[in-house]
Protein backbone atom coordinates (compact mmCIF):
# COMPACT_ATOMS: atom_id res chain seq x y z
CA MET A 1 219.13 169.78 -62.65
CA GLN A 2 216.32 172.48 -62.66
CA SER A 3 213.65 169.43 -62.29
CA ARG A 4 215.11 168.12 -59.23
CA LEU A 5 215.38 171.70 -57.72
CA ILE A 6 211.63 172.17 -58.06
CA PHE A 7 210.76 168.49 -57.11
CA GLY A 8 212.72 169.36 -53.79
CA SER A 9 210.82 172.65 -53.25
CA VAL A 10 207.50 170.84 -53.53
CA ILE A 11 208.46 168.45 -51.22
CA LEU A 12 209.68 171.07 -48.73
CA VAL A 13 206.42 172.96 -48.99
CA LEU A 14 204.53 169.72 -48.54
CA TRP A 15 206.50 168.85 -45.55
CA ALA A 16 206.07 172.59 -44.01
CA VAL A 17 201.86 172.11 -44.38
CA ALA A 18 202.25 168.73 -42.64
CA VAL A 19 204.30 169.93 -39.95
CA LEU A 20 201.83 172.93 -39.42
CA LEU A 21 198.70 171.07 -39.57
CA LEU A 22 200.37 168.05 -37.28
CA ALA A 23 201.96 170.33 -34.63
CA PRO A 24 200.87 170.57 -31.15
CA LEU A 25 198.65 173.19 -30.12
CA GLU A 26 201.38 174.86 -28.39
CA ALA A 27 203.30 175.48 -31.36
CA ARG A 28 200.79 177.48 -32.87
CA ALA A 29 200.25 181.17 -33.03
CA TYR A 30 197.15 182.22 -30.68
CA ASP A 31 194.51 184.83 -31.14
CA SER A 32 194.31 187.74 -28.81
CA VAL A 33 191.58 190.33 -28.26
CA ARG A 34 192.85 193.37 -30.45
CA GLN A 35 193.02 196.97 -29.24
CA HIS A 36 190.29 199.17 -30.86
CA GLN A 37 190.17 202.98 -30.31
CA LEU A 38 187.00 203.34 -28.84
CA GLN A 39 184.44 206.50 -29.38
CA CYS A 40 182.74 207.05 -26.20
CA SER A 41 180.55 209.90 -25.60
CA ARG A 42 179.16 211.83 -22.29
CA ASN A 43 175.84 210.22 -22.92
CA PHE A 44 177.22 206.44 -22.75
CA PRO A 45 180.34 206.65 -21.13
CA CYS A 46 183.13 203.33 -21.53
CA PRO A 47 185.25 203.46 -18.28
CA ALA A 48 188.65 202.31 -18.78
CA GLU A 49 188.14 199.19 -16.84
CA LEU A 50 185.70 198.17 -19.19
CA HIS A 51 187.81 198.81 -22.21
CA GLY A 52 188.82 194.88 -22.43
CA ARG A 53 185.26 193.87 -22.51
CA ILE A 54 183.98 196.38 -25.06
CA ASN A 55 187.09 194.90 -27.30
CA PHE A 56 186.25 191.26 -26.98
CA TRP A 57 182.55 192.12 -28.05
CA ILE A 58 183.83 194.27 -31.17
CA ASP A 59 185.86 191.18 -32.04
CA VAL A 60 183.04 188.96 -31.85
CA TYR A 61 180.79 191.17 -34.07
CA GLY A 62 183.25 192.52 -36.36
CA ARG A 63 186.17 189.68 -36.71
CA TRP A 64 185.09 186.14 -35.56
CA GLN A 65 182.37 184.47 -37.52
CA SER A 66 179.45 182.34 -36.21
CA ARG A 67 180.89 179.18 -36.98
CA ASP A 68 184.20 180.20 -35.00
CA SER A 69 184.35 179.47 -31.10
CA ILE A 70 186.15 181.74 -28.76
CA LEU A 71 187.50 179.78 -25.50
CA HIS A 72 187.63 182.50 -22.75
CA ASP A 73 187.72 183.29 -19.02
CA ALA A 74 183.88 184.08 -18.09
CA SER A 75 184.89 186.93 -15.73
CA ARG A 76 187.59 188.67 -17.79
CA PRO A 77 186.26 188.25 -21.62
CA ASP A 78 189.38 189.73 -23.25
CA ARG A 79 191.41 186.63 -21.76
CA VAL A 80 191.02 184.64 -24.69
CA TYR A 81 192.54 181.07 -24.58
CA ARG A 82 191.74 179.57 -27.85
CA VAL A 83 189.94 180.54 -30.96
CA VAL A 84 188.83 177.28 -32.91
CA LYS A 85 187.63 178.53 -36.51
CA GLY A 86 185.06 176.37 -38.10
CA ARG A 87 183.58 174.63 -35.20
CA ALA A 88 180.96 176.94 -33.32
CA CYS A 89 180.28 176.47 -29.75
CA GLY A 90 176.87 174.75 -30.02
CA ARG A 91 173.77 176.07 -28.42
CA LYS A 92 174.65 175.95 -24.84
CA GLY A 93 178.61 176.27 -25.66
CA ASN A 94 179.21 172.24 -24.20
CA THR A 95 179.41 170.45 -27.75
CA ALA A 96 181.26 167.06 -26.98
CA PHE A 97 184.27 168.94 -28.81
CA ILE A 98 184.12 172.14 -26.94
CA LYS A 99 184.07 170.20 -23.53
CA GLU A 100 187.18 168.70 -24.54
CA GLN A 101 188.71 171.86 -25.59
CA LYS A 102 187.87 173.08 -22.33
CA LYS A 103 189.22 170.26 -20.33
CA LYS A 104 192.37 170.49 -22.31
CA ILE A 105 192.67 174.29 -21.62
CA ALA A 106 191.85 173.50 -17.99
CA GLY A 107 194.72 170.94 -17.92
CA GLU A 108 197.20 173.57 -19.31
CA LEU A 109 195.96 176.23 -16.63
CA TYR A 110 196.42 173.88 -13.92
CA ALA A 111 200.06 172.60 -14.94
CA LEU A 112 200.80 176.56 -15.51
CA ALA A 113 199.98 177.23 -11.69
CA ASN A 114 202.01 174.46 -10.79
CA ARG A 115 205.08 175.64 -12.24
CA LEU A 116 204.60 178.92 -10.97
CA GLU A 117 204.23 177.80 -7.55
CA ARG A 118 207.45 175.72 -7.62
CA LYS A 119 209.32 178.48 -9.46
CA GLN A 120 209.78 176.26 -12.55
CA LYS A 121 210.33 177.64 -15.79
CA VAL A 122 207.40 177.99 -18.17
CA GLN A 123 208.00 175.71 -21.24
CA GLY A 124 206.47 175.85 -24.60
CA SER A 125 204.73 178.76 -26.71
CA TYR A 126 201.43 178.11 -25.38
CA GLY A 127 202.19 177.89 -21.64
CA ARG A 128 203.79 181.34 -22.31
CA HIS A 129 200.84 182.96 -24.25
CA LEU A 130 198.92 181.68 -21.00
CA LEU A 131 201.29 183.50 -19.02
CA THR A 132 200.86 186.86 -20.38
CA LEU A 133 197.34 186.45 -19.62
CA PHE A 134 197.91 186.72 -16.12
CA PRO A 135 200.28 189.54 -15.35
CA SER A 136 200.02 189.17 -11.91
CA ARG A 137 201.17 185.24 -12.07
CA SER A 138 198.97 184.09 -9.24
CA PRO A 139 198.63 180.64 -8.99
CA ALA A 140 195.39 180.85 -7.01
CA LYS A 141 193.90 183.27 -9.86
CA ILE A 142 194.95 180.85 -12.55
CA ARG A 143 193.38 177.63 -10.85
CA THR A 144 190.15 179.90 -10.47
CA ALA A 145 190.19 180.67 -14.13
CA ALA A 146 190.80 177.27 -15.00
CA ARG A 147 187.07 176.46 -13.32
CA ASN A 148 185.61 179.45 -15.49
CA ILE A 149 186.07 178.89 -19.03
CA ARG A 150 183.25 179.96 -21.18
CA CYS A 151 182.61 179.43 -25.05
CA GLN A 152 181.36 182.17 -27.25
CA SER A 153 180.70 182.05 -30.83
CA GLY A 154 181.65 184.95 -33.39
CA ASN A 155 179.03 186.62 -35.03
CA SER A 156 180.60 188.98 -37.56
CA ASP A 157 178.36 187.26 -40.66
CA GLY A 158 175.28 187.70 -38.30
CA PHE A 159 176.38 191.53 -37.82
CA ARG A 160 176.66 192.13 -41.67
CA ALA A 161 173.33 190.61 -42.33
CA ALA A 162 172.27 193.15 -39.46
CA LEU A 163 173.66 196.04 -41.05
CA ARG A 164 171.23 195.27 -44.09
CA ARG A 165 168.47 195.20 -42.10
CA PHE A 166 169.69 198.47 -40.21
CA GLY A 167 169.35 200.01 -43.64
CA ILE A 168 165.34 199.05 -43.50
CA TYR A 169 164.45 199.55 -40.00
CA GLY A 170 167.02 202.19 -38.86
CA PRO A 171 165.32 205.12 -39.90
CA LEU A 172 162.12 204.36 -38.37
CA VAL A 173 163.81 203.40 -34.79
CA ARG A 174 165.62 206.81 -34.93
CA GLN A 175 162.45 208.65 -35.89
CA VAL A 176 161.03 207.17 -32.92
CA LEU A 177 163.69 208.10 -30.60
CA LYS A 178 163.88 211.46 -31.40
CA ASP A 179 160.23 211.90 -30.88
CA ALA A 180 160.55 210.11 -27.50
CA GLY A 181 163.15 212.69 -26.61
CA LEU A 182 165.91 209.49 -26.16
CA PRO A 183 169.89 209.86 -27.63
CA ALA A 184 169.92 208.43 -31.09
CA ASP A 185 172.75 206.06 -29.87
CA ILE A 186 169.98 203.69 -28.49
CA GLN A 187 169.61 202.53 -32.33
CA TYR A 188 172.23 200.56 -31.95
CA LEU A 189 170.63 198.42 -29.07
CA PRO A 190 168.57 196.05 -31.30
CA PHE A 191 172.11 194.88 -32.62
CA VAL A 192 172.35 193.30 -29.68
CA GLU A 193 168.96 192.31 -29.11
CA SER A 194 167.96 190.69 -32.37
CA SER A 195 170.54 191.42 -34.84
CA TYR A 196 167.99 194.20 -36.50
CA ASN A 197 165.15 191.11 -37.01
CA PRO A 198 161.61 192.09 -36.37
CA LYS A 199 160.79 188.40 -36.62
CA ALA A 200 163.13 187.26 -34.21
CA TYR A 201 162.25 184.93 -31.25
CA SER A 202 164.35 183.76 -28.35
CA ARG A 203 164.26 180.43 -26.36
CA VAL A 204 162.59 182.31 -23.59
CA GLY A 205 159.68 183.82 -25.37
CA ALA A 206 161.15 187.11 -25.93
CA ALA A 207 160.15 188.63 -29.73
CA GLY A 208 160.80 191.29 -32.41
CA LEU A 209 163.41 193.69 -33.01
CA TRP A 210 163.20 194.30 -28.99
CA GLN A 211 163.18 191.32 -28.04
CA ILE A 212 160.10 192.23 -25.61
CA MET A 213 158.71 189.25 -23.01
CA PRO A 214 155.05 188.75 -23.27
CA ALA A 215 154.55 190.05 -19.68
CA THR A 216 156.68 192.93 -20.43
CA ALA A 217 154.64 193.69 -23.86
CA ARG A 218 151.03 194.04 -21.77
CA VAL A 219 152.75 196.23 -19.45
CA LEU A 220 153.83 198.70 -21.99
CA GLY A 221 150.57 198.86 -23.43
CA LEU A 222 151.27 196.25 -26.74
CA GLU A 223 148.64 194.16 -27.82
CA LEU A 224 149.06 190.65 -27.54
CA ASP A 225 146.74 187.80 -28.37
CA ALA A 226 145.58 184.98 -30.57
CA THR A 227 145.48 187.97 -33.50
CA VAL A 228 147.69 190.24 -32.72
CA ASP A 229 151.22 190.38 -31.67
CA GLU A 230 152.58 193.76 -31.48
CA ARG A 231 156.03 192.86 -30.47
CA LEU A 232 156.73 192.03 -33.91
CA ASP A 233 155.59 195.52 -35.39
CA PRO A 234 159.17 197.34 -35.55
CA GLU A 235 157.19 200.72 -34.94
CA ALA A 236 155.26 199.66 -32.10
CA ALA A 237 157.61 197.71 -30.41
CA SER A 238 159.91 200.78 -30.72
CA TRP A 239 157.52 202.92 -29.12
CA ALA A 240 157.16 200.40 -26.29
CA ALA A 241 161.12 200.09 -25.86
CA ALA A 242 161.15 204.00 -25.57
CA ARG A 243 158.48 204.09 -23.18
CA TYR A 244 160.51 201.42 -21.38
CA LEU A 245 163.81 203.27 -21.33
CA LYS A 246 162.27 206.23 -20.17
CA ASP A 247 160.90 205.22 -17.18
CA SER A 248 163.99 203.40 -16.35
CA ARG A 249 166.00 206.46 -16.88
CA LYS A 250 163.35 208.02 -14.54
CA THR A 251 163.31 205.29 -11.81
CA LEU A 252 167.41 204.44 -11.68
CA THR A 253 168.03 208.49 -11.53
CA VAL A 254 166.18 208.62 -8.53
CA ALA A 255 167.70 205.61 -7.16
CA ALA A 256 171.35 207.10 -7.92
CA LEU A 257 170.68 210.30 -6.72
CA SER A 258 169.83 209.22 -3.55
CA ARG A 259 173.38 207.42 -2.92
CA ASN A 260 175.22 210.26 -5.08
CA PRO A 261 173.54 213.38 -5.18
CA GLY A 262 176.25 214.84 -7.62
CA ILE A 263 175.98 211.90 -10.21
CA SER A 264 175.77 213.17 -13.65
CA HIS A 265 173.10 211.84 -16.42
CA GLY A 266 176.03 209.89 -18.09
CA GLU A 267 176.92 208.05 -15.27
CA VAL A 268 173.63 206.44 -15.06
CA SER A 269 173.31 205.41 -18.61
CA PRO A 270 175.11 202.11 -18.34
CA PHE A 271 172.34 201.16 -15.45
CA VAL A 272 169.63 201.96 -17.75
CA ILE A 273 171.21 200.11 -20.86
CA THR A 274 171.67 197.17 -18.63
CA SER A 275 167.91 197.49 -17.14
CA TYR A 276 166.69 196.52 -20.49
CA ASN A 277 168.32 192.86 -19.83
CA TYR A 278 168.38 192.66 -16.16
CA GLY A 279 165.50 194.67 -15.39
CA VAL A 280 164.43 197.96 -13.86
CA ASN A 281 163.95 196.98 -10.35
CA GLY A 282 167.21 194.32 -10.37
CA MET A 283 169.32 197.56 -11.59
CA ARG A 284 167.49 199.69 -8.69
CA ARG A 285 168.58 197.14 -5.91
CA ALA A 286 172.13 196.84 -6.99
CA ILE A 287 172.36 200.54 -6.69
CA LYS A 288 170.85 200.39 -3.35
CA LYS A 289 173.33 198.15 -2.33
CA LEU A 290 176.63 199.03 -4.11
CA GLY A 291 175.86 202.81 -5.12
CA PRO A 292 176.11 204.21 -8.56
CA ASP A 293 179.27 202.73 -9.43
CA PHE A 294 178.76 200.71 -12.41
CA MET A 295 182.24 198.94 -12.58
CA ARG A 296 181.92 198.27 -8.69
CA VAL A 297 178.51 196.80 -9.54
CA ILE A 298 179.75 194.52 -12.44
CA ASN A 299 182.41 193.05 -10.08
CA ARG A 300 180.97 192.80 -6.95
CA TYR A 301 177.13 192.55 -7.24
CA ARG A 302 176.26 188.76 -6.78
CA THR A 303 172.58 187.38 -7.24
CA ARG A 304 171.48 184.00 -9.29
CA LYS A 305 170.58 186.27 -12.17
CA PHE A 306 173.33 188.55 -12.48
CA GLN A 307 175.37 186.69 -14.49
CA VAL A 308 177.84 186.61 -17.88
CA ALA A 309 175.07 187.89 -20.11
CA VAL A 310 173.98 190.96 -17.86
CA LYS A 311 177.54 192.35 -17.23
CA ASN A 312 178.31 192.28 -20.62
CA PHE A 313 175.40 193.68 -21.96
CA TYR A 314 176.63 197.51 -21.67
CA ALA A 315 179.87 196.46 -23.02
CA GLY A 316 178.29 194.76 -26.04
CA PHE A 317 175.80 197.90 -26.78
CA LEU A 318 178.87 199.78 -26.98
CA ALA A 319 180.88 197.44 -29.22
CA ALA A 320 177.82 197.32 -31.38
CA ARG A 321 177.75 200.90 -31.70
CA HIS A 322 181.40 200.92 -32.46
CA VAL A 323 181.31 198.41 -35.26
CA ALA A 324 177.92 199.82 -37.05
CA ARG A 325 179.40 203.27 -36.77
CA ASN A 326 182.76 201.79 -38.35
CA ALA A 327 181.00 199.14 -40.59
CA LYS A 328 183.11 200.04 -43.66
CA LYS A 329 186.33 199.36 -41.73
CA PHE A 330 185.37 195.70 -40.61
CA PHE A 331 183.16 194.88 -43.69
CA GLY A 332 183.84 196.76 -46.76
CA THR A 333 180.92 197.87 -48.46
CA VAL A 334 177.57 196.87 -47.19
CA LYS A 335 174.43 197.31 -49.36
CA GLN A 336 171.54 198.32 -46.75
CA GLY A 337 168.02 197.69 -47.56
CA ARG A 338 165.48 200.23 -48.42
CA PRO A 339 164.27 202.38 -46.06
CA LEU A 340 160.58 200.94 -44.64
CA ARG A 341 157.91 202.98 -45.98
CA TYR A 342 154.07 202.62 -45.47
CA ARG A 343 150.80 204.17 -44.67
CA THR A 344 148.75 203.35 -42.07
CA LEU A 345 145.03 202.74 -41.76
CA ILE A 346 143.05 202.61 -38.73
CA LEU A 347 140.66 199.77 -39.40
CA LYS A 348 136.63 200.92 -37.77
CA ARG A 349 135.79 197.00 -37.85
CA SER A 350 137.19 193.62 -37.83
CA VAL A 351 137.99 192.42 -41.73
CA SER A 352 139.39 189.11 -42.87
CA ILE A 353 142.48 189.06 -44.72
CA GLY A 354 140.77 187.84 -47.85
CA ARG A 355 138.51 191.11 -48.11
CA LEU A 356 141.80 193.26 -47.47
CA LYS A 357 143.68 191.48 -50.40
CA SER A 358 140.55 191.85 -52.76
CA VAL A 359 139.67 195.48 -51.79
CA PHE A 360 143.20 196.72 -52.09
CA ARG A 361 144.29 194.39 -54.71
CA LEU A 362 147.52 193.34 -52.69
CA SER A 363 149.08 189.94 -52.49
CA GLU A 364 149.50 188.33 -49.08
CA SER A 365 153.10 188.47 -49.25
CA GLN A 366 152.54 192.45 -50.06
CA LEU A 367 150.52 192.52 -46.55
CA LYS A 368 152.72 189.99 -44.63
CA GLU A 369 155.74 192.26 -45.18
CA LEU A 370 154.08 195.23 -43.83
CA ASN A 371 152.00 193.86 -41.15
CA PRO A 372 154.13 191.13 -39.47
CA ALA A 373 152.11 191.80 -36.25
CA LEU A 374 149.20 189.40 -37.57
CA THR A 375 149.44 186.02 -36.30
CA ARG A 376 149.04 182.79 -38.17
CA PHE A 377 145.33 182.56 -37.27
CA VAL A 378 144.89 185.74 -39.12
CA TRP A 379 146.82 184.64 -42.24
CA HIS A 380 145.05 181.24 -42.28
CA GLY A 381 141.45 182.80 -42.33
CA TRP A 382 140.57 181.53 -38.52
CA ARG A 383 140.43 184.98 -37.15
CA PHE A 384 139.71 188.22 -38.52
CA VAL A 385 141.88 191.52 -38.49
CA PRO A 386 140.37 193.19 -35.22
CA ASP A 387 138.83 196.62 -35.07
CA GLY A 388 141.19 199.24 -34.24
CA TYR A 389 144.13 197.98 -35.66
CA ARG A 390 146.63 199.85 -37.53
CA LEU A 391 146.86 198.51 -40.95
CA ARG A 392 150.02 198.88 -42.96
CA LEU A 393 149.64 199.74 -46.66
CA PRO A 394 152.14 199.97 -49.52
CA VAL A 395 153.11 204.03 -50.18
CA ARG A 396 151.11 204.26 -53.61
CA SER A 397 151.09 207.41 -55.76
CA GLY A 398 147.37 207.62 -56.11
CA GLY A 399 146.86 207.00 -52.48
CA TRP A 400 144.28 204.69 -51.34
CA ALA A 401 141.30 207.07 -50.86
CA ASN A 402 138.72 205.34 -53.08
CA HIS A 403 139.76 201.79 -51.64
CA VAL A 404 139.37 202.74 -48.27
CA ALA A 405 135.86 204.09 -49.24
CA ARG A 406 135.01 200.86 -50.87
CA LEU A 407 136.08 198.62 -47.81
CA ARG A 408 133.98 201.03 -45.13
CA ILE A 409 130.59 200.55 -47.53
CA MET A 410 130.75 196.96 -47.50
CA PRO A 411 128.62 194.75 -45.03
CA SER A 412 130.09 193.31 -42.09
CA GLU A 413 131.90 189.49 -42.40
CA ILE A 414 130.75 186.74 -40.57
CA ARG A 415 132.86 184.23 -39.63
CA THR A 416 131.85 180.56 -41.32
CA THR A 417 130.36 178.32 -39.15
CA GLY A 418 131.92 174.65 -38.99
CA ALA A 419 134.96 172.92 -37.54
CA VAL A 420 138.37 173.88 -38.42
CA ASP A 421 141.05 171.33 -39.05
CA TYR A 422 144.35 172.43 -36.47
CA THR A 423 147.70 170.93 -36.10
CA VAL A 424 149.13 171.04 -32.59
CA ARG A 425 152.49 173.04 -32.04
CA ARG A 426 154.84 173.55 -29.12
CA GLY A 427 153.25 175.16 -26.12
CA ASP A 428 149.55 174.97 -27.31
CA THR A 429 147.21 173.76 -24.77
CA ALA A 430 143.54 172.42 -25.50
CA CYS A 431 142.05 175.18 -23.97
CA GLY A 432 144.43 177.88 -25.41
CA ILE A 433 143.61 176.37 -28.80
CA ALA A 434 139.79 176.86 -28.14
CA SER A 435 140.55 180.68 -26.99
CA ALA A 436 142.42 181.36 -29.80
CA PHE A 437 139.16 180.20 -32.06
CA GLY A 438 136.70 181.77 -29.77
CA ALA A 439 135.43 178.27 -29.05
CA SER A 440 133.96 176.48 -25.92
CA CYS A 441 137.39 174.37 -24.67
CA ARG A 442 134.72 171.74 -23.17
CA GLU A 443 133.32 171.34 -26.64
CA LEU A 444 136.82 170.91 -28.34
CA ILE A 445 137.62 168.37 -25.67
CA ALA A 446 134.38 166.50 -26.35
CA ILE A 447 134.74 166.56 -30.29
CA ASN A 448 138.23 165.15 -30.34
CA ARG A 449 137.71 162.61 -27.43
CA LEU A 450 140.41 163.91 -25.42
CA ASN A 451 140.91 162.32 -21.83
CA ARG A 452 140.02 164.66 -18.66
CA SER A 453 143.43 166.29 -18.42
CA ALA A 454 142.88 167.61 -22.09
CA VAL A 455 146.76 166.02 -22.71
CA ILE A 456 147.77 167.07 -26.71
CA ARG A 457 150.78 166.30 -28.40
CA VAL A 458 152.97 168.30 -31.16
CA GLY A 459 151.48 167.27 -34.53
CA GLN A 460 148.42 166.18 -33.31
CA LYS A 461 145.43 167.04 -35.74
CA LEU A 462 142.37 168.53 -33.71
CA GLN A 463 139.14 169.55 -35.21
CA VAL A 464 138.32 173.10 -33.50
CA PRO A 465 134.51 174.10 -32.94
CA ARG A 466 133.96 177.59 -34.36
CA ALA A 467 130.81 179.77 -33.56
CA GLY A 468 129.16 182.17 -36.10
CA LYS A 469 125.73 183.02 -37.34
CA PRO A 470 124.07 182.61 -40.62
CA ALA A 471 125.23 185.22 -42.82
CA SER A 472 122.65 187.52 -44.93
CA THR A 473 123.19 188.80 -48.32
CA VAL A 474 123.30 192.64 -49.54
CA ALA A 475 119.87 193.76 -51.22
CA ASN A 476 118.83 197.07 -52.79
CA ARG A 477 119.60 199.86 -50.66
CA GLY A 478 116.96 202.41 -49.17
CA SER A 479 117.19 205.32 -47.37
CA TYR A 480 115.95 206.95 -43.96
CA VAL A 481 115.68 210.15 -42.61
CA VAL A 482 116.75 210.41 -38.91
CA ARG A 483 114.12 211.40 -36.71
CA LEU A 484 114.15 212.85 -33.12
CA GLY A 485 115.37 210.00 -30.74
CA ASP A 486 116.89 207.77 -33.43
CA SER A 487 120.18 206.09 -32.95
CA ALA A 488 122.06 204.14 -35.82
CA CYS A 489 121.49 200.78 -33.85
CA SER A 490 117.46 201.33 -33.34
CA ILE A 491 117.03 202.22 -36.98
CA ALA A 492 119.14 199.18 -38.09
CA ARG A 493 116.86 197.08 -35.88
CA ARG A 494 113.59 198.79 -37.47
CA PHE A 495 114.86 197.74 -40.63
CA GLY A 496 115.99 193.96 -39.76
CA VAL A 497 119.64 194.86 -40.72
CA ASP A 498 123.10 194.43 -39.24
CA CYS A 499 124.10 197.57 -37.10
CA ASP A 500 127.58 197.36 -38.20
CA ASP A 501 126.56 197.01 -41.73
CA LEU A 502 124.43 200.03 -41.26
CA LEU A 503 127.40 201.93 -39.86
CA ALA A 504 129.82 200.87 -42.92
CA SER A 505 127.56 202.11 -45.50
CA ASN A 506 127.23 205.35 -44.27
CA GLY A 507 131.00 205.97 -42.90
CA ILE A 508 129.96 206.51 -39.28
CA HIS A 509 130.67 204.33 -35.89
CA ARG A 510 128.84 203.47 -32.71
CA GLY A 511 129.97 206.80 -31.00
CA SER A 512 128.63 209.01 -33.87
CA ILE A 513 125.96 211.65 -33.45
CA LEU A 514 122.98 211.65 -35.73
CA SER A 515 121.65 215.00 -36.94
CA VAL A 516 117.95 215.33 -37.11
CA GLY A 517 116.78 215.25 -40.84
CA ARG A 518 120.08 213.22 -42.00
CA LYS A 519 119.39 210.77 -44.70
CA LEU A 520 120.87 207.20 -44.04
CA LEU A 521 121.55 204.48 -46.72
CA ILE A 522 119.75 201.28 -45.58
CA PRO A 523 121.48 198.31 -46.43
CA GLY A 524 118.33 195.69 -46.92
CA THR A 525 118.74 191.97 -46.09
CA LEU A 526 117.03 189.06 -48.22
CA PRO A 527 116.45 185.75 -46.23
CA THR A 528 118.31 183.00 -47.97
CA PRO A 529 115.48 181.12 -49.96
CA PRO A 530 114.76 177.27 -50.47
CA GLY A 531 116.86 177.59 -54.08
CA GLY A 532 119.97 177.21 -51.87
CA SER A 533 123.11 179.35 -51.14
CA TYR A 534 127.01 179.62 -52.05
CA THR A 535 129.51 180.77 -50.20
CA VAL A 536 132.10 183.14 -52.37
CA GLY A 537 135.74 181.57 -52.33
CA LYS A 538 139.07 183.17 -53.64
CA GLY A 539 139.05 183.86 -57.41
CA ASP A 540 135.31 183.55 -57.42
CA SER A 541 133.03 185.94 -60.10
CA VAL A 542 129.55 186.19 -60.33
CA CYS A 543 129.52 184.55 -63.66
CA SER A 544 131.65 181.78 -62.76
CA ILE A 545 129.39 180.88 -59.97
CA ALA A 546 126.29 181.56 -62.17
CA SER A 547 127.59 179.08 -64.62
CA ARG A 548 128.48 176.67 -61.91
CA HIS A 549 125.09 176.56 -61.05
CA GLY A 550 123.29 176.53 -64.47
CA LEU A 551 122.32 180.13 -64.25
CA THR A 552 122.80 183.61 -66.32
CA CYS A 553 124.87 186.05 -64.65
CA LYS A 554 121.77 188.30 -64.67
CA ALA A 555 119.41 185.90 -62.77
CA LEU A 556 122.35 185.20 -60.08
CA LEU A 557 122.54 189.34 -59.52
CA ALA A 558 118.83 189.92 -59.56
CA ALA A 559 118.57 187.09 -57.15
CA ASN A 560 121.10 188.84 -54.83
CA GLY A 561 120.28 192.53 -55.36
CA LEU A 562 123.05 193.37 -57.46
CA ASP A 563 124.35 195.61 -59.80
CA SER A 564 126.70 194.26 -62.64
CA GLY A 565 129.52 196.68 -61.30
CA ASP A 566 129.08 195.25 -57.62
CA LEU A 567 131.93 193.83 -55.75
CA ILE A 568 131.66 190.34 -54.22
CA PHE A 569 134.23 189.00 -52.07
CA PRO A 570 135.45 185.75 -50.25
CA GLY A 571 133.15 184.72 -47.27
CA GLN A 572 130.29 186.37 -48.74
CA THR A 573 126.99 184.25 -48.76
CA LEU A 574 125.26 184.33 -52.36
CA THR A 575 121.50 183.27 -52.84
CA ILE A 576 121.29 180.44 -55.64
CA PRO A 577 117.83 180.64 -57.18
CA GLY A 578 115.79 177.73 -57.89
CA SER A 579 115.65 176.70 -61.65
């Protein structure tokens, strides 16, 4: 008897599961946006009319995952029609599956509008669920909504990862905001922009922690060329974002006061934050047209670019602020990364990555982690790290003074001659590649036999010509006492040495004033003799090179004017004496 009861219970359970899985959509429970206790402030207010949008984005960041799709009203995000677990929206929110879901929901909405118009009873749980989303019960509004369905993927897993990165970069961002005199709450804006990822790139070309566009980067004073992209440097980009927001505050406050002399600092804040997405001039035009009433602008302002992303930007910022400040409630304990710490060295002349690794005894991954602004052209050895670059070095108990001194007395490096193999990437042009390598576009076209239009394709292998001059080898050093009328470069020319070599050997720069009687170190040069030359590679030592050429270490050192303790470095040219 007992076995029969157990068997019957199992059958009932299986039947219940099957009914649940096979039940029509309208028979299931439906997700609704939760009502959160918002923590607003005078600096960043949240009008009651905005609460629905904020609550929606709090659920996106703290409840639904990236593989979930939320089908909702584009104009009223908190009007959620359906949440499909495990089926993300896709890149543009229009996969075949999502299109089918939108079609079904639209059909249900049209059917609901027709029933209301005919004063018929609304049938089914899904129909009743939809009816609760339209308290006015207006058939016209429901039909409009049927044509305005949008898909949004969740992001709770992405936000959790962002919180870990927040531990790394948050302290730096807070310090910049404090030094710039900006509210600390702006630290939550990178959650919306990049999920606190300093390596993030958008489809439209924005990059870094603050997702700065190339043209904007140059206006804000960031360096952006073939060697350096400071948008990817968290500190430099944070200062640029701070400059943008301060300028935005100033411009939009003037615009708001011209329409409403009594407007408060906090009432301008939604416009300032939204300007980070839409642009300062765009928000200034909106204020000029409709006045400094943020909700009025959100609901009534119409331009081609003032669309869903812009209208939700401030609400998304407030939602990110809420979730980050209440992270334990949403995610439990999240282990945050250790705060980023480094020392900064301003380079006085250009230098190769190979030399930096050798002098500071750091791996490429260590340097890359702290110097994300350097481009692939530098890491591949195709370009030098430029002079004036703010090199980030790990914090070290003994400091870096000895290493810096060694770097500064070393002779200038010369890029080797010859062609470089390069694989074309998306967005490349022939002349753009040539420019990045400092080469002639015409020569690149000729070497690779490109047509007159210089058409290239992704994945194509190109040879890039590269200019350079023969490198000299460092010989025994002499000295010189500065006389009246001397300059560093005139002394260098007198001794036939490179001016930069002389400057580096003496720890001075081109703007330095030389006092009469000062003793300068002169790095001599030796011409490369008929015996041959060798360019030092990674991992080479004097003795390994000597052995390779059938020489003694002593002979190779003597031929190059080196002592046994002198450092050699990748890219340096050594004289190979004849037998």
